[in-house]
């Protein structure tokens, strides 16, 4: 069953952490799970963002894994490979999305991708 008040963010870099902070402030969700290949980074970002809840609605914010995405109403995918010299947008897109596709395809009900390389997909 989908939890309409739960959001999952895959990727805790600059875009992911900024998106998580903005969503925390929005009050749209009551639960947020942060997922990153570096579990310590996800845990640190979850703690940092939780400190800002003083100025927002109460929310459960935690680091998790792909199993925590199954009931999320929205999945924000910001994970991706850093741009390397000589890479085209399509190279970056395929490099970034290939490891994620099998996991997200089996879990995602709704996905919103906010990373720049997705421009070439539309």
C-alpha atoms as a PDB file:
ATOM      1  CA  UNK A   1       0.000   0.000   0.000  1.00  0.00           C
ATOM      2  CA  UNK A   2       1.298   3.463  -0.897  1.00  0.00           C
ATOM      3  CA  UNK A   3       1.937   5.927   1.894  1.00  0.00           C
ATOM      4  CA  UNK A   4       0.753   9.212   0.364  1.00  0.00           C
ATOM      5  CA  UNK A   5       2.776  11.185   2.901  1.00  0.00           C
ATOM      6  CA  UNK A   6       6.113   9.462   2.194  1.00  0.00           C
ATOM      7  CA  UNK A   7       8.862  10.644  -0.149  1.00  0.00           C
ATOM      8  CA  UNK A   8      12.106   8.853  -0.996  1.00  0.00           C
ATOM      9  CA  UNK A   9      15.191  10.661  -2.270  1.00  0.00           C
ATOM     10  CA  UNK A  10      17.836   8.610  -4.077  1.00  0.00           C
ATOM     11  CA  UNK A  11      21.149  10.462  -4.079  1.00  0.00           C
ATOM     12  CA  UNK A  12      22.327  12.733  -1.264  1.00  0.00           C
ATOM     13  CA  UNK A  13      24.677  15.037  -3.140  1.00  0.00           C
ATOM     14  CA  UNK A  14      24.078  18.763  -3.559  1.00  0.00           C
ATOM     15  CA  UNK A  15      20.859  18.368  -5.547  1.00  0.00           C
ATOM     16  CA  UNK A  16      19.482  15.565  -3.378  1.00  0.00           C
ATOM     17  CA  UNK A  17      20.159  17.294  -0.069  1.00  0.00           C
ATOM     18  CA  UNK A  18      18.756  20.596  -1.358  1.00  0.00           C
ATOM     19  CA  UNK A  19      15.641  18.815  -2.617  1.00  0.00           C
ATOM     20  CA  UNK A  20      15.247  17.039   0.717  1.00  0.00           C
ATOM     21  CA  UNK A  21      15.511  20.317   2.622  1.00  0.00           C
ATOM     22  CA  UNK A  22      12.958  22.001   0.366  1.00  0.00           C
ATOM     23  CA  UNK A  23      10.536  19.084   0.696  1.00  0.00           C
ATOM     24  CA  UNK A  24      10.957  19.118   4.473  1.00  0.00           C
ATOM     25  CA  UNK A  25      10.038  22.808   4.536  1.00  0.00           C
ATOM     26  CA  UNK A  26       7.076  22.326   2.193  1.00  0.00           C
ATOM     27  CA  UNK A  27       5.056  20.265   4.659  1.00  0.00           C
ATOM     28  CA  UNK A  28       3.812  18.002   1.854  1.00  0.00           C
ATOM     29  CA  UNK A  29       5.131  14.836   3.483  1.00  0.00           C
ATOM     30  CA  UNK A  30       5.334  13.410   6.999  1.00  0.00           C
ATOM     31  CA  UNK A  31       8.037  10.838   6.198  1.00  0.00           C
ATOM     32  CA  UNK A  32      11.245  11.099   4.158  1.00  0.00           C
ATOM     33  CA  UNK A  33      13.828   8.416   3.451  1.00  0.00           C
ATOM     34  CA  UNK A  34      17.242   9.334   2.053  1.00  0.00           C
ATOM     35  CA  UNK A  35      19.177   6.731   0.060  1.00  0.00           C
ATOM     36  CA  UNK A  36      22.784   6.988  -1.091  1.00  0.00           C
ATOM     37  CA  UNK A  37      25.555   4.555  -1.982  1.00  0.00           C
ATOM     38  CA  UNK A  38      27.414   6.158   0.942  1.00  0.00           C
ATOM     39  CA  UNK A  39      25.135   5.192   3.846  1.00  0.00           C
ATOM     40  CA  UNK A  40      27.045   7.503   6.225  1.00  0.00           C
ATOM     41  CA  UNK A  41      26.367  10.463   3.948  1.00  0.00           C
ATOM     42  CA  UNK A  42      22.643   9.657   3.866  1.00  0.00           C
ATOM     43  CA  UNK A  43      22.581   9.396   7.665  1.00  0.00           C
ATOM     44  CA  UNK A  44      24.428  12.710   8.035  1.00  0.00           C
ATOM     45  CA  UNK A  45      22.090  14.500   5.627  1.00  0.00           C
ATOM     46  CA  UNK A  46      19.048  13.066   7.412  1.00  0.00           C
ATOM     47  CA  UNK A  47      20.349  14.386  10.742  1.00  0.00           C
ATOM     48  CA  UNK A  48      21.229  17.806   9.271  1.00  0.00           C
ATOM     49  CA  UNK A  49      17.830  18.209   7.626  1.00  0.00           C
ATOM     50  CA  UNK A  50      16.068  17.072  10.798  1.00  0.00           C
ATOM     51  CA  UNK A  51      17.679  20.011  12.615  1.00  0.00           C
ATOM     52  CA  UNK A  52      15.678  22.333  10.360  1.00  0.00           C
ATOM     53  CA  UNK A  53      12.344  20.854  11.445  1.00  0.00           C
ATOM     54  CA  UNK A  54      12.120  23.498  14.149  1.00  0.00           C
ATOM     55  CA  UNK A  55      10.836  25.761  11.382  1.00  0.00           C
ATOM     56  CA  UNK A  56       8.562  23.231   9.647  1.00  0.00           C
ATOM     57  CA  UNK A  57       5.941  20.551  10.219  1.00  0.00           C
ATOM     58  CA  UNK A  58       7.058  17.440  12.131  1.00  0.00           C
ATOM     59  CA  UNK A  59       8.493  14.789   9.844  1.00  0.00           C
ATOM     60  CA  UNK A  60      10.200  11.431  10.225  1.00  0.00           C
ATOM     61  CA  UNK A  61      13.517  11.734   8.336  1.00  0.00           C
ATOM     62  CA  UNK A  62      15.925   8.816   8.110  1.00  0.00           C
ATOM     63  CA  UNK A  63      18.548   7.100   5.967  1.00  0.00           C
ATOM     64  CA  UNK A  64      17.393   3.880   4.382  1.00  0.00           C
ATOM     65  CA  UNK A  65      17.823   1.531   1.460  1.00  0.00           C
ATOM     66  CA  UNK A  66      15.841   0.546  -1.628  1.00  0.00           C
ATOM     67  CA  UNK A  67      13.460  -1.604   0.403  1.00  0.00           C
ATOM     68  CA  UNK A  68      12.198   1.596   2.069  1.00  0.00           C
ATOM     69  CA  UNK A  69      11.056   2.960  -1.314  1.00  0.00           C
ATOM     70  CA  UNK A  70       8.334   0.377  -1.919  1.00  0.00           C
ATOM     71  CA  UNK A  71       5.528   2.349  -0.252  1.00  0.00           C
ATOM     72  CA  UNK A  72       6.681   5.883  -1.111  1.00  0.00           C
ATOM     73  CA  UNK A  73       4.222   8.115  -2.961  1.00  0.00           C
ATOM     74  CA  UNK A  74       7.077   9.926  -4.692  1.00  0.00           C
ATOM     75  CA  UNK A  75      10.647   8.975  -5.523  1.00  0.00           C
ATOM     76  CA  UNK A  76      13.068  11.789  -6.320  1.00  0.00           C
ATOM     77  CA  UNK A  77      16.127  10.472  -8.163  1.00  0.00           C
ATOM     78  CA  UNK A  78      19.077  12.849  -8.003  1.00  0.00           C
ATOM     79  CA  UNK A  79      21.842  10.224  -8.049  1.00  0.00           C
ATOM     80  CA  UNK A  80      24.195  10.337 -10.975  1.00  0.00           C
ATOM     81  CA  UNK A  81      27.739  10.194 -12.199  1.00  0.00           C
ATOM     82  CA  UNK A  82      29.775  13.397 -12.207  1.00  0.00           C
ATOM     83  CA  UNK A  83      30.404  14.895 -15.639  1.00  0.00           C
ATOM     84  CA  UNK A  84      33.736  13.785 -17.096  1.00  0.00           C
ATOM     85  CA  UNK A  85      35.669  15.425 -19.947  1.00  0.00           C
ATOM     86  CA  UNK A  86      34.427  14.244 -23.323  1.00  0.00           C
ATOM     87  CA  UNK A  87      31.135  12.840 -22.044  1.00  0.00           C
ATOM     88  CA  UNK A  88      27.949  13.725 -23.885  1.00  0.00           C
ATOM     89  CA  UNK A  89      24.631  14.093 -22.071  1.00  0.00           C
ATOM     90  CA  UNK A  90      23.569  10.672 -23.331  1.00  0.00           C
ATOM     91  CA  UNK A  91      26.782   9.070 -22.003  1.00  0.00           C
ATOM     92  CA  UNK A  92      26.216  10.634 -18.608  1.00  0.00           C
ATOM     93  CA  UNK A  93      22.556   9.630 -18.599  1.00  0.00           C
ATOM     94  CA  UNK A  94      23.200   6.000 -19.457  1.00  0.00           C
ATOM     95  CA  UNK A  95      26.091   5.794 -16.963  1.00  0.00           C
ATOM     96  CA  UNK A  96      23.961   7.342 -14.209  1.00  0.00           C
ATOM     97  CA  UNK A  97      20.737   5.455 -14.796  1.00  0.00           C
ATOM     98  CA  UNK A  98      21.951   1.931 -15.584  1.00  0.00           C
ATOM     99  CA  UNK A  99      22.682   0.920 -11.966  1.00  0.00           C
ATOM    100  CA  UNK A 100      19.413   2.475 -10.777  1.00  0.00           C
ATOM    101  CA  UNK A 101      17.027   1.140 -13.404  1.00  0.00           C
ATOM    102  CA  UNK A 102      16.606  -2.460 -12.193  1.00  0.00           C
ATOM    103  CA  UNK A 103      16.080  -1.356  -8.591  1.00  0.00           C
ATOM    104  CA  UNK A 104      13.690   1.483  -9.319  1.00  0.00           C
ATOM    105  CA  UNK A 105      11.739  -0.307 -12.042  1.00  0.00           C
ATOM    106  CA  UNK A 106      10.718  -2.987  -9.569  1.00  0.00           C
ATOM    107  CA  UNK A 107       9.892  -0.544  -6.765  1.00  0.00           C
ATOM    108  CA  UNK A 108       8.699   2.744  -8.197  1.00  0.00           C
ATOM    109  CA  UNK A 109       5.063   3.656  -8.523  1.00  0.00           C
ATOM    110  CA  UNK A 110       5.820   7.309  -9.179  1.00  0.00           C
ATOM    111  CA  UNK A 111       9.224   8.698 -10.035  1.00  0.00           C
ATOM    112  CA  UNK A 112      10.353  12.253 -10.496  1.00  0.00           C
ATOM    113  CA  UNK A 113      13.862  12.738 -11.837  1.00  0.00           C
ATOM    114  CA  UNK A 114      15.409  16.111 -11.150  1.00  0.00           C
ATOM    115  CA  UNK A 115      18.891  15.527 -12.483  1.00  0.00           C
ATOM    116  CA  UNK A 116      20.086  17.442 -15.547  1.00  0.00           C
ATOM    117  CA  UNK A 117      21.010  14.435 -17.707  1.00  0.00           C
ATOM    118  CA  UNK A 118      17.353  13.464 -17.952  1.00  0.00           C
ATOM    119  CA  UNK A 119      16.851  16.356 -20.369  1.00  0.00           C
ATOM    120  CA  UNK A 120      18.098  14.160 -23.181  1.00  0.00           C
ATOM    121  CA  UNK A 121      15.418  11.588 -22.420  1.00  0.00           C
ATOM    122  CA  UNK A 122      12.507  13.911 -23.235  1.00  0.00           C
END
